[in-house]
Each structure stands twice: as structure tokens, then as C-alpha cells.
Amino acid sequence: MIVPRARGAWQHGEMSISKGLDKVEVALRWDPSPVGAADHDLDVIAAVYPAVAPYGPPAYLVHFDSRSPDGTIYLSRDSTTGQGLGYDEALTIEFARQPDDHARVVVGVVIQQHAGRLVFADIAAPGVRIREGYTVLAEHDFSAVAGSTAAVVAEFVRAESGVWEFHPCLRGFDLDPDAFSVAMGARVA
């Protein structure tokens, strides 16, 4: 289920915020695996695409134990078990500081496949929230992609005016983490 919530109006499946986005948080949550079962490890990933090839290979990826070279995209929380209250992982993107040669940022969630194939339906209470400040832009519970091992949850695009726009989405993939990091930014037909 996708629950878009945002200021601004929807236009053909997109939302444009005239002042552009400043700082966005993508927060991921899930409940721990049952007692005696292997831990479930989900990760939020951001792929940054250059203006010269916005649908080509990413300029770089930000994931667990990493941050963007310029410090504008970083994880402030990382969990390998889902333990704790509320959101377990949080990725912050500072759009106001993005270099001019960045045109697109795609954010995805991947399930690590340490203990055999797992899909979102196997994970207890998964969810993602995308917000700017206190404004929730979108929330997903992954039920629409329950049979997938990974999903794109958000796309941010720099408009011709230079402001960043949020494009809500939820697209499931049946790929391992490495293959997903390559495929997540492909153009949707």
C-alpha cells in the first residue's frame, strides 16, 4: 500500500514542490525475526546519477558503512536485526548541497539474503517513511511488492529550474543486493 502525503499537488503521478526539496529522510523499519530464526537484515540504498547520464550507471552508491563523497547523503542509523523501537535505519539526503552535476537520486530497500531467499512477505512489519522535516511525503508497507527481495521506494529528480522534485514510487525486484544496485535506476518503460 502506498500512502502519499505531501504538500503540493499531484500532477500525472508526480509531485512538484516549487521551492524544491531541502533535506529528506528515508527511514526504514521492520520487526526482528522470530526467536531461534536467523536475523532479518534490510538495508536502505541510495544511487546517485550524473546529469550526463541520469539513467546510466550510478556515479556512486550510499549504503551501510558508507556515505557520499561530498557528505550530502549518509546513514544516521543502521540495523542488522530490526531490534529497537520505531525506525531502524535512516538515510538523509541534503538536496540543497547536492553538486550541480547530480541529476537524479534513486532510493531502494534490499533484503540481505544471508539465510536463504527472503521476500518482503517473510519480514515482520516492514515499512518505509519518506519525509522532509515534519512533512511526510510518502509511506509504504511493502504489501504491494510482498513477493520481492528488493524495491525502489523513491526517486528524486533535479528539474530544469534546478530544484529537486520527489517522484513517489514502489517498484519490486527479485534480485540479490548486488544485482539490485545495478538495476534500481533503470528507466521504467
N, C-alpha and C. Protein backbone atom coordinates (compact mmCIF):
# COMPACT_ATOMS: atom_id res chain seq x y z
N MET A 1 0.84 -1.16 0.00
CA MET A 1 0.00 0.00 0.00
C MET A 1 0.89 1.24 0.00
N ILE A 2 0.68 2.15 -0.91
CA ILE A 2 1.40 3.41 -0.96
C ILE A 2 0.48 4.48 -0.41
N VAL A 3 0.98 5.23 0.54
CA VAL A 3 0.19 6.32 1.12
C VAL A 3 0.95 7.62 0.89
N PRO A 4 0.68 8.31 -0.23
CA PRO A 4 1.38 9.58 -0.43
C PRO A 4 0.75 10.66 0.43
N ARG A 5 1.59 11.41 1.09
CA ARG A 5 1.13 12.54 1.89
C ARG A 5 2.14 13.65 1.67
N ALA A 6 1.68 14.76 1.18
CA ALA A 6 2.64 15.84 0.96
C ALA A 6 1.95 17.14 0.70
N ARG A 7 2.71 18.19 0.87
CA ARG A 7 2.22 19.50 0.45
C ARG A 7 2.38 19.56 -1.05
N GLY A 8 1.63 20.40 -1.70
CA GLY A 8 1.72 20.48 -3.16
C GLY A 8 0.67 19.61 -3.81
N ALA A 9 0.58 19.68 -5.09
CA ALA A 9 -0.45 18.93 -5.82
C ALA A 9 0.19 17.84 -6.66
N TRP A 10 -0.55 16.76 -6.82
CA TRP A 10 -0.11 15.68 -7.70
C TRP A 10 -0.36 16.09 -9.14
N GLN A 11 0.59 15.81 -9.99
CA GLN A 11 0.43 16.09 -11.41
C GLN A 11 0.96 14.89 -12.18
N HIS A 12 0.07 14.14 -12.80
CA HIS A 12 0.45 12.99 -13.61
C HIS A 12 1.38 12.05 -12.85
N GLY A 13 1.04 11.73 -11.61
CA GLY A 13 1.83 10.80 -10.82
C GLY A 13 3.08 11.40 -10.21
N GLU A 14 3.28 12.69 -10.31
CA GLU A 14 4.46 13.32 -9.74
C GLU A 14 4.04 14.45 -8.82
N MET A 15 4.92 14.81 -7.93
CA MET A 15 4.67 15.94 -7.07
C MET A 15 5.80 16.93 -7.27
N SER A 16 5.46 18.17 -7.43
CA SER A 16 6.47 19.21 -7.58
C SER A 16 6.30 20.20 -6.45
N ILE A 17 7.36 20.48 -5.77
CA ILE A 17 7.35 21.47 -4.70
C ILE A 17 8.15 22.65 -5.24
N SER A 18 7.49 23.76 -5.44
CA SER A 18 8.09 24.87 -6.16
C SER A 18 9.42 25.34 -5.58
N LYS A 19 9.60 25.31 -4.26
CA LYS A 19 10.86 25.72 -3.67
C LYS A 19 11.89 24.60 -3.71
N GLY A 20 11.47 23.44 -4.11
CA GLY A 20 12.39 22.30 -4.16
C GLY A 20 12.57 21.69 -2.78
N LEU A 21 13.19 20.55 -2.77
CA LEU A 21 13.44 19.84 -1.52
C LEU A 21 14.73 20.33 -0.90
N ASP A 22 14.78 20.31 0.42
CA ASP A 22 15.99 20.73 1.12
C ASP A 22 16.70 19.51 1.69
N LYS A 23 16.17 18.94 2.77
CA LYS A 23 16.77 17.79 3.44
C LYS A 23 15.68 16.76 3.65
N VAL A 24 15.90 15.55 3.13
CA VAL A 24 14.90 14.48 3.19
C VAL A 24 15.47 13.31 3.97
N GLU A 25 14.61 12.68 4.77
CA GLU A 25 14.99 11.46 5.49
C GLU A 25 14.17 10.30 4.96
N VAL A 26 14.84 9.20 4.65
CA VAL A 26 14.18 7.95 4.28
C VAL A 26 14.45 6.99 5.43
N ALA A 27 13.39 6.63 6.17
CA ALA A 27 13.54 5.79 7.36
C ALA A 27 12.89 4.43 7.12
N LEU A 28 13.58 3.38 7.53
CA LEU A 28 13.17 2.00 7.30
C LEU A 28 12.95 1.32 8.65
N ARG A 29 11.87 0.53 8.72
CA ARG A 29 11.59 -0.22 9.96
C ARG A 29 11.18 -1.64 9.62
N TRP A 30 11.42 -2.54 10.55
CA TRP A 30 10.92 -3.90 10.50
C TRP A 30 11.08 -4.50 11.88
N ASP A 31 10.31 -5.53 12.17
CA ASP A 31 10.40 -6.20 13.46
C ASP A 31 11.43 -7.32 13.37
N PRO A 32 12.05 -7.67 14.50
CA PRO A 32 13.05 -8.75 14.50
C PRO A 32 12.44 -10.07 14.06
N SER A 33 13.29 -10.96 13.58
CA SER A 33 12.84 -12.30 13.19
C SER A 33 12.44 -13.07 14.45
N PRO A 34 11.65 -14.15 14.28
CA PRO A 34 11.22 -14.93 15.44
C PRO A 34 12.41 -15.51 16.21
N VAL A 35 12.22 -15.76 17.49
CA VAL A 35 13.26 -16.34 18.34
C VAL A 35 13.73 -17.65 17.72
N GLY A 36 15.03 -17.82 17.63
CA GLY A 36 15.61 -19.04 17.07
C GLY A 36 15.84 -18.99 15.57
N ALA A 37 15.24 -18.02 14.89
CA ALA A 37 15.43 -17.88 13.44
C ALA A 37 16.59 -16.92 13.17
N ALA A 38 17.15 -17.04 11.98
CA ALA A 38 18.23 -16.13 11.58
C ALA A 38 17.71 -14.69 11.54
N ASP A 39 18.59 -13.75 11.84
CA ASP A 39 18.21 -12.34 11.80
C ASP A 39 17.83 -11.91 10.39
N HIS A 40 16.85 -11.03 10.30
CA HIS A 40 16.47 -10.41 9.03
C HIS A 40 17.19 -9.08 8.95
N ASP A 41 17.91 -8.87 7.85
CA ASP A 41 18.69 -7.64 7.67
C ASP A 41 18.23 -6.94 6.41
N LEU A 42 17.62 -5.78 6.57
CA LEU A 42 17.20 -4.94 5.45
C LEU A 42 18.13 -3.73 5.39
N ASP A 43 18.36 -3.24 4.19
CA ASP A 43 19.22 -2.07 4.03
C ASP A 43 18.58 -1.07 3.08
N VAL A 44 18.74 0.21 3.40
CA VAL A 44 18.32 1.28 2.51
C VAL A 44 19.56 1.69 1.71
N ILE A 45 19.36 1.91 0.41
CA ILE A 45 20.45 2.21 -0.52
C ILE A 45 20.05 3.42 -1.35
N ALA A 46 20.99 4.32 -1.58
CA ALA A 46 20.76 5.45 -2.48
C ALA A 46 21.76 5.37 -3.63
N ALA A 47 21.25 5.52 -4.85
CA ALA A 47 22.10 5.55 -6.04
C ALA A 47 22.01 6.96 -6.62
N VAL A 48 23.16 7.56 -6.87
CA VAL A 48 23.22 8.93 -7.39
C VAL A 48 23.66 8.87 -8.85
N TYR A 49 22.88 9.54 -9.71
CA TYR A 49 23.12 9.51 -11.15
C TYR A 49 23.54 10.88 -11.65
N PRO A 50 24.54 10.91 -12.54
CA PRO A 50 25.04 12.20 -13.04
C PRO A 50 24.12 12.80 -14.09
N ALA A 51 24.21 14.10 -14.26
CA ALA A 51 23.39 14.81 -15.25
C ALA A 51 23.69 14.33 -16.67
N VAL A 52 24.91 13.92 -16.94
CA VAL A 52 25.27 13.48 -18.30
C VAL A 52 24.67 12.12 -18.64
N ALA A 53 24.28 11.33 -17.65
CA ALA A 53 23.68 10.01 -17.90
C ALA A 53 22.74 9.66 -16.74
N PRO A 54 21.58 10.35 -16.64
CA PRO A 54 20.70 10.13 -15.49
C PRO A 54 20.09 8.73 -15.42
N TYR A 55 20.16 7.95 -16.50
CA TYR A 55 19.66 6.58 -16.49
C TYR A 55 20.77 5.59 -16.79
N GLY A 56 22.00 6.05 -16.75
CA GLY A 56 23.16 5.19 -16.95
C GLY A 56 23.60 4.58 -15.63
N PRO A 57 24.84 4.18 -15.55
CA PRO A 57 25.33 3.64 -14.28
C PRO A 57 25.41 4.74 -13.22
N PRO A 58 25.20 4.39 -11.96
CA PRO A 58 25.26 5.42 -10.92
C PRO A 58 26.68 5.95 -10.75
N ALA A 59 26.77 7.22 -10.39
CA ALA A 59 28.07 7.82 -10.07
C ALA A 59 28.63 7.16 -8.81
N TYR A 60 27.74 6.86 -7.86
CA TYR A 60 28.13 6.14 -6.66
C TYR A 60 26.88 5.66 -5.93
N LEU A 61 27.09 4.73 -5.00
CA LEU A 61 26.03 4.19 -4.14
C LEU A 61 26.34 4.55 -2.70
N VAL A 62 25.28 4.81 -1.94
CA VAL A 62 25.43 5.00 -0.50
C VAL A 62 24.61 3.90 0.16
N HIS A 63 25.26 3.15 1.05
CA HIS A 63 24.62 2.03 1.75
C HIS A 63 25.27 1.90 3.11
N PHE A 64 25.00 0.80 3.81
CA PHE A 64 25.57 0.61 5.14
C PHE A 64 27.09 0.84 5.10
N ASP A 65 27.61 1.43 6.13
CA ASP A 65 29.04 1.70 6.27
C ASP A 65 29.61 2.61 5.18
N SER A 66 28.78 3.46 4.58
CA SER A 66 29.31 4.39 3.59
C SER A 66 28.52 5.69 3.63
N ARG A 67 29.03 6.68 2.92
CA ARG A 67 28.36 7.96 2.75
C ARG A 67 28.83 8.52 1.42
N SER A 68 28.14 9.54 0.93
CA SER A 68 28.54 10.12 -0.35
C SER A 68 29.90 10.81 -0.18
N PRO A 69 30.67 10.89 -1.27
CA PRO A 69 31.99 11.53 -1.17
C PRO A 69 31.94 12.97 -0.65
N ASP A 70 30.85 13.68 -0.95
CA ASP A 70 30.74 15.08 -0.52
C ASP A 70 29.98 15.23 0.81
N GLY A 71 29.55 14.13 1.40
CA GLY A 71 28.88 14.16 2.69
C GLY A 71 27.42 14.57 2.66
N THR A 72 26.80 14.65 1.47
CA THR A 72 25.41 15.10 1.37
C THR A 72 24.40 13.98 1.51
N ILE A 73 24.85 12.73 1.48
CA ILE A 73 23.97 11.57 1.68
C ILE A 73 24.66 10.65 2.68
N TYR A 74 23.94 10.31 3.76
CA TYR A 74 24.57 9.49 4.79
C TYR A 74 23.50 8.73 5.58
N LEU A 75 23.93 7.62 6.17
CA LEU A 75 23.07 6.85 7.07
C LEU A 75 23.34 7.30 8.48
N SER A 76 22.28 7.64 9.20
CA SER A 76 22.44 8.03 10.59
C SER A 76 22.11 6.88 11.53
N ARG A 77 21.47 5.86 11.02
CA ARG A 77 21.17 4.65 11.79
C ARG A 77 21.28 3.45 10.86
N ASP A 78 21.80 2.35 11.37
CA ASP A 78 21.90 1.12 10.59
C ASP A 78 21.64 -0.05 11.53
N SER A 79 20.76 -0.94 11.13
CA SER A 79 20.42 -2.10 11.94
C SER A 79 20.60 -3.37 11.11
N THR A 80 21.03 -4.43 11.74
CA THR A 80 21.13 -5.72 11.05
C THR A 80 20.10 -6.71 11.58
N THR A 81 19.24 -6.26 12.51
CA THR A 81 18.28 -7.18 13.13
C THR A 81 16.85 -6.66 13.17
N GLY A 82 16.64 -5.36 13.06
CA GLY A 82 15.31 -4.79 13.21
C GLY A 82 14.92 -4.56 14.65
N GLN A 83 15.84 -4.80 15.59
CA GLN A 83 15.54 -4.60 17.00
C GLN A 83 15.51 -3.11 17.33
N GLY A 84 14.68 -2.78 18.29
CA GLY A 84 14.56 -1.39 18.72
C GLY A 84 13.17 -0.87 18.40
N LEU A 85 12.88 0.29 18.94
CA LEU A 85 11.57 0.90 18.73
C LEU A 85 11.60 1.81 17.51
N GLY A 86 10.51 1.84 16.79
CA GLY A 86 10.38 2.77 15.66
C GLY A 86 11.20 2.37 14.46
N TYR A 87 11.81 3.35 13.84
CA TYR A 87 12.56 3.12 12.60
C TYR A 87 13.98 2.67 12.93
N ASP A 88 14.45 1.66 12.19
CA ASP A 88 15.73 1.01 12.47
C ASP A 88 16.89 1.58 11.66
N GLU A 89 16.60 2.09 10.49
CA GLU A 89 17.63 2.69 9.64
C GLU A 89 17.11 4.02 9.13
N ALA A 90 18.02 4.97 8.94
CA ALA A 90 17.63 6.27 8.41
C ALA A 90 18.73 6.79 7.48
N LEU A 91 18.32 7.17 6.28
CA LEU A 91 19.21 7.74 5.28
C LEU A 91 18.80 9.19 5.08
N THR A 92 19.75 10.10 5.15
CA THR A 92 19.48 11.52 4.97
C THR A 92 20.10 11.99 3.67
N ILE A 93 19.33 12.76 2.90
CA ILE A 93 19.80 13.34 1.64
C ILE A 93 19.65 14.85 1.76
N GLU A 94 20.75 15.57 1.62
CA GLU A 94 20.74 17.03 1.67
C GLU A 94 20.74 17.56 0.24
N PHE A 95 19.55 17.86 -0.28
CA PHE A 95 19.44 18.30 -1.68
C PHE A 95 19.98 19.71 -1.89
N ALA A 96 19.88 20.56 -0.89
CA ALA A 96 20.37 21.94 -1.04
C ALA A 96 21.88 21.98 -1.27
N ARG A 97 22.58 20.92 -0.89
CA ARG A 97 24.04 20.86 -1.05
C ARG A 97 24.49 19.94 -2.17
N GLN A 98 23.55 19.35 -2.92
CA GLN A 98 23.94 18.44 -4.00
C GLN A 98 24.71 19.19 -5.09
N PRO A 99 25.80 18.63 -5.57
CA PRO A 99 26.55 19.26 -6.66
C PRO A 99 25.68 19.39 -7.92
N ASP A 100 25.98 20.38 -8.73
CA ASP A 100 25.21 20.63 -9.95
C ASP A 100 25.26 19.48 -10.94
N ASP A 101 26.28 18.64 -10.88
CA ASP A 101 26.38 17.55 -11.84
C ASP A 101 25.58 16.32 -11.44
N HIS A 102 24.85 16.38 -10.33
CA HIS A 102 23.94 15.30 -9.94
C HIS A 102 22.54 15.64 -10.44
N ALA A 103 21.90 14.68 -11.13
CA ALA A 103 20.57 14.92 -11.70
C ALA A 103 19.48 14.07 -11.09
N ARG A 104 19.86 12.97 -10.44
CA ARG A 104 18.85 12.01 -10.01
C ARG A 104 19.38 11.20 -8.84
N VAL A 105 18.50 10.97 -7.86
CA VAL A 105 18.83 10.09 -6.74
C VAL A 105 17.68 9.09 -6.61
N VAL A 106 18.01 7.81 -6.66
CA VAL A 106 17.02 6.74 -6.52
C VAL A 106 17.31 6.02 -5.21
N VAL A 107 16.26 5.82 -4.41
CA VAL A 107 16.42 5.16 -3.11
C VAL A 107 15.68 3.83 -3.14
N GLY A 108 16.35 2.80 -2.67
CA GLY A 108 15.77 1.47 -2.63
C GLY A 108 15.99 0.80 -1.29
N VAL A 109 15.29 -0.31 -1.11
CA VAL A 109 15.43 -1.14 0.08
C VAL A 109 15.69 -2.56 -0.41
N VAL A 110 16.68 -3.20 0.19
CA VAL A 110 17.04 -4.55 -0.20
C VAL A 110 17.09 -5.44 1.04
N ILE A 111 16.67 -6.69 0.87
CA ILE A 111 16.75 -7.68 1.95
C ILE A 111 18.03 -8.48 1.73
N GLN A 112 18.91 -8.47 2.71
CA GLN A 112 20.12 -9.29 2.61
C GLN A 112 19.70 -10.76 2.66
N GLN A 113 20.33 -11.56 1.83
CA GLN A 113 19.93 -12.96 1.67
C GLN A 113 20.90 -13.92 2.37
N HIS A 114 21.22 -13.66 3.64
CA HIS A 114 22.19 -14.47 4.38
C HIS A 114 21.69 -15.88 4.67
N ALA A 115 20.42 -16.04 4.96
CA ALA A 115 19.88 -17.33 5.42
C ALA A 115 18.89 -17.91 4.41
N GLY A 116 19.17 -17.78 3.12
CA GLY A 116 18.25 -18.26 2.11
C GLY A 116 17.39 -17.12 1.59
N ARG A 117 16.60 -17.41 0.58
CA ARG A 117 15.80 -16.38 -0.09
C ARG A 117 14.68 -15.88 0.82
N LEU A 118 14.66 -14.57 1.02
CA LEU A 118 13.60 -13.92 1.78
C LEU A 118 12.96 -12.85 0.92
N VAL A 119 11.64 -12.69 1.06
CA VAL A 119 10.90 -11.64 0.37
C VAL A 119 10.23 -10.77 1.44
N PHE A 120 9.68 -9.64 1.02
CA PHE A 120 9.06 -8.74 2.00
C PHE A 120 7.95 -9.41 2.80
N ALA A 121 7.25 -10.37 2.22
CA ALA A 121 6.19 -11.09 2.95
C ALA A 121 6.77 -11.90 4.11
N ASP A 122 8.06 -12.25 4.05
CA ASP A 122 8.71 -13.01 5.12
C ASP A 122 9.17 -12.14 6.29
N ILE A 123 9.15 -10.84 6.09
CA ILE A 123 9.66 -9.90 7.09
C ILE A 123 8.48 -9.36 7.91
N ALA A 124 8.64 -9.34 9.22
CA ALA A 124 7.56 -8.85 10.09
C ALA A 124 7.51 -7.33 10.09
N ALA A 125 6.36 -6.79 9.71
CA ALA A 125 6.04 -5.35 9.79
C ALA A 125 7.05 -4.43 9.12
N PRO A 126 7.42 -4.71 7.86
CA PRO A 126 8.34 -3.79 7.19
C PRO A 126 7.63 -2.50 6.79
N GLY A 127 8.36 -1.42 6.77
CA GLY A 127 7.78 -0.16 6.34
C GLY A 127 8.86 0.87 6.08
N VAL A 128 8.52 1.85 5.27
CA VAL A 128 9.45 2.94 4.98
C VAL A 128 8.66 4.24 5.00
N ARG A 129 9.30 5.28 5.52
CA ARG A 129 8.69 6.61 5.57
C ARG A 129 9.67 7.60 4.95
N ILE A 130 9.14 8.44 4.07
CA ILE A 130 9.95 9.46 3.42
C ILE A 130 9.40 10.80 3.86
N ARG A 131 10.26 11.63 4.45
CA ARG A 131 9.77 12.91 4.94
C ARG A 131 10.82 14.01 4.78
N GLU A 132 10.29 15.22 4.68
CA GLU A 132 11.12 16.42 4.69
C GLU A 132 10.70 17.20 5.94
N GLY A 133 11.61 17.32 6.88
CA GLY A 133 11.25 17.93 8.16
C GLY A 133 10.15 17.11 8.83
N TYR A 134 9.05 17.76 9.18
CA TYR A 134 7.92 17.06 9.79
C TYR A 134 6.86 16.67 8.77
N THR A 135 7.09 16.97 7.50
CA THR A 135 6.12 16.66 6.46
C THR A 135 6.41 15.28 5.88
N VAL A 136 5.46 14.36 6.03
CA VAL A 136 5.61 13.02 5.46
C VAL A 136 5.25 13.10 3.98
N LEU A 137 6.21 12.76 3.13
CA LEU A 137 5.99 12.77 1.69
C LEU A 137 5.33 11.48 1.21
N ALA A 138 5.72 10.34 1.80
CA ALA A 138 5.13 9.05 1.43
C ALA A 138 5.47 8.02 2.49
N GLU A 139 4.62 6.99 2.57
CA GLU A 139 4.86 5.83 3.41
C GLU A 139 4.48 4.59 2.62
N HIS A 140 5.27 3.53 2.78
CA HIS A 140 4.99 2.26 2.11
C HIS A 140 5.08 1.15 3.15
N ASP A 141 4.23 0.13 3.00
CA ASP A 141 4.32 -1.02 3.89
C ASP A 141 4.80 -2.27 3.15
N PHE A 142 5.15 -2.15 1.89
CA PHE A 142 5.70 -3.22 1.05
C PHE A 142 4.69 -4.31 0.70
N SER A 143 3.42 -4.17 1.07
CA SER A 143 2.43 -5.20 0.73
C SER A 143 2.22 -5.30 -0.78
N ALA A 144 2.41 -4.22 -1.51
CA ALA A 144 2.23 -4.25 -2.97
C ALA A 144 3.38 -4.97 -3.67
N VAL A 145 4.48 -5.18 -2.96
CA VAL A 145 5.64 -5.89 -3.54
C VAL A 145 6.06 -7.02 -2.61
N ALA A 146 5.08 -7.68 -1.99
CA ALA A 146 5.33 -8.70 -0.97
C ALA A 146 6.21 -9.84 -1.45
N GLY A 147 6.16 -10.18 -2.74
CA GLY A 147 6.96 -11.28 -3.28
C GLY A 147 8.33 -10.87 -3.77
N SER A 148 8.74 -9.65 -3.49
CA SER A 148 10.02 -9.13 -3.98
C SER A 148 11.11 -9.19 -2.91
N THR A 149 12.36 -9.23 -3.36
CA THR A 149 13.51 -9.22 -2.46
C THR A 149 14.09 -7.83 -2.29
N ALA A 150 13.65 -6.89 -3.14
CA ALA A 150 14.14 -5.51 -3.09
C ALA A 150 13.09 -4.62 -3.72
N ALA A 151 13.17 -3.32 -3.44
CA ALA A 151 12.20 -2.38 -4.01
C ALA A 151 12.79 -0.98 -4.09
N VAL A 152 12.43 -0.28 -5.17
CA VAL A 152 12.71 1.16 -5.25
C VAL A 152 11.56 1.84 -4.53
N VAL A 153 11.87 2.75 -3.61
CA VAL A 153 10.84 3.40 -2.80
C VAL A 153 10.70 4.90 -3.08
N ALA A 154 11.69 5.49 -3.75
CA ALA A 154 11.62 6.93 -4.04
C ALA A 154 12.58 7.30 -5.16
N GLU A 155 12.19 8.31 -5.90
CA GLU A 155 13.06 8.88 -6.93
C GLU A 155 13.01 10.40 -6.77
N PHE A 156 14.17 11.00 -6.78
CA PHE A 156 14.30 12.45 -6.68
C PHE A 156 15.02 12.92 -7.93
N VAL A 157 14.46 13.92 -8.60
CA VAL A 157 14.99 14.39 -9.88
C VAL A 157 15.18 15.90 -9.81
N ARG A 158 16.32 16.35 -10.34
CA ARG A 158 16.56 17.79 -10.43
C ARG A 158 15.83 18.31 -11.66
N ALA A 159 14.91 19.25 -11.48
CA ALA A 159 14.15 19.83 -12.58
C ALA A 159 15.04 20.79 -13.37
N GLU A 160 14.56 21.19 -14.54
CA GLU A 160 15.31 22.14 -15.35
C GLU A 160 15.57 23.45 -14.61
N SER A 161 14.67 23.80 -13.70
CA SER A 161 14.83 25.03 -12.91
C SER A 161 15.92 24.89 -11.85
N GLY A 162 16.38 23.67 -11.62
CA GLY A 162 17.42 23.42 -10.63
C GLY A 162 16.91 22.91 -9.30
N VAL A 163 15.59 22.97 -9.07
CA VAL A 163 15.04 22.47 -7.81
C VAL A 163 14.86 20.96 -7.89
N TRP A 164 14.92 20.32 -6.73
CA TRP A 164 14.74 18.87 -6.66
C TRP A 164 13.27 18.55 -6.44
N GLU A 165 12.78 17.54 -7.16
CA GLU A 165 11.39 17.09 -7.07
C GLU A 165 11.35 15.65 -6.60
N PHE A 166 10.32 15.32 -5.86
CA PHE A 166 10.09 13.96 -5.37
C PHE A 166 9.09 13.26 -6.27
N HIS A 167 9.44 12.06 -6.71
CA HIS A 167 8.55 11.22 -7.51
C HIS A 167 8.27 9.96 -6.69
N PRO A 168 7.09 9.85 -6.09
CA PRO A 168 6.79 8.66 -5.29
C PRO A 168 6.68 7.43 -6.16
N CYS A 169 7.18 6.31 -5.66
CA CYS A 169 7.08 5.06 -6.42
C CYS A 169 7.29 3.90 -5.47
N LEU A 170 6.89 2.74 -5.91
CA LEU A 170 7.17 1.49 -5.22
C LEU A 170 7.23 0.43 -6.31
N ARG A 171 8.45 0.01 -6.66
CA ARG A 171 8.67 -0.99 -7.70
C ARG A 171 9.47 -2.14 -7.11
N GLY A 172 8.91 -3.33 -7.19
CA GLY A 172 9.58 -4.50 -6.64
C GLY A 172 10.53 -5.15 -7.62
N PHE A 173 11.55 -5.80 -7.09
CA PHE A 173 12.56 -6.52 -7.87
C PHE A 173 12.80 -7.87 -7.20
N ASP A 174 13.14 -8.87 -7.99
CA ASP A 174 13.53 -10.17 -7.45
C ASP A 174 15.00 -10.38 -7.80
N LEU A 175 15.86 -9.63 -7.12
CA LEU A 175 17.29 -9.63 -7.40
C LEU A 175 18.07 -9.68 -6.09
N ASP A 176 19.30 -10.20 -6.16
CA ASP A 176 20.16 -10.15 -4.99
C ASP A 176 20.66 -8.71 -4.81
N PRO A 177 21.21 -8.38 -3.66
CA PRO A 177 21.61 -6.98 -3.41
C PRO A 177 22.54 -6.38 -4.46
N ASP A 178 23.53 -7.12 -4.93
CA ASP A 178 24.45 -6.57 -5.93
C ASP A 178 23.75 -6.29 -7.25
N ALA A 179 22.93 -7.22 -7.72
CA ALA A 179 22.21 -7.01 -8.98
C ALA A 179 21.19 -5.87 -8.85
N PHE A 180 20.56 -5.77 -7.69
CA PHE A 180 19.60 -4.69 -7.47
C PHE A 180 20.27 -3.32 -7.55
N SER A 181 21.46 -3.20 -6.99
CA SER A 181 22.15 -1.91 -7.01
C SER A 181 22.45 -1.44 -8.42
N VAL A 182 22.56 -2.37 -9.37
CA VAL A 182 22.78 -2.02 -10.78
C VAL A 182 21.45 -1.70 -11.46
N ALA A 183 20.40 -2.46 -11.16
CA ALA A 183 19.11 -2.35 -11.87
C ALA A 183 18.17 -1.28 -11.31
N MET A 184 18.37 -0.84 -10.09
CA MET A 184 17.38 0.02 -9.42
C MET A 184 17.13 1.34 -10.12
N GLY A 185 18.07 1.85 -10.87
CA GLY A 185 17.90 3.15 -11.52
C GLY A 185 17.52 3.08 -12.97
N ALA A 186 17.22 1.88 -13.47
CA ALA A 186 16.87 1.72 -14.89
C ALA A 186 15.59 2.48 -15.22
N ARG A 187 15.53 2.97 -16.44
CA ARG A 187 14.34 3.68 -16.90
C ARG A 187 13.15 2.72 -16.93
N VAL A 188 12.02 3.17 -16.42
CA VAL A 188 10.80 2.37 -16.40
C VAL A 188 10.07 2.58 -17.71
N ALA A 189 9.75 1.49 -18.38
CA ALA A 189 9.07 1.58 -19.68
C ALA A 189 7.62 1.93 -19.54
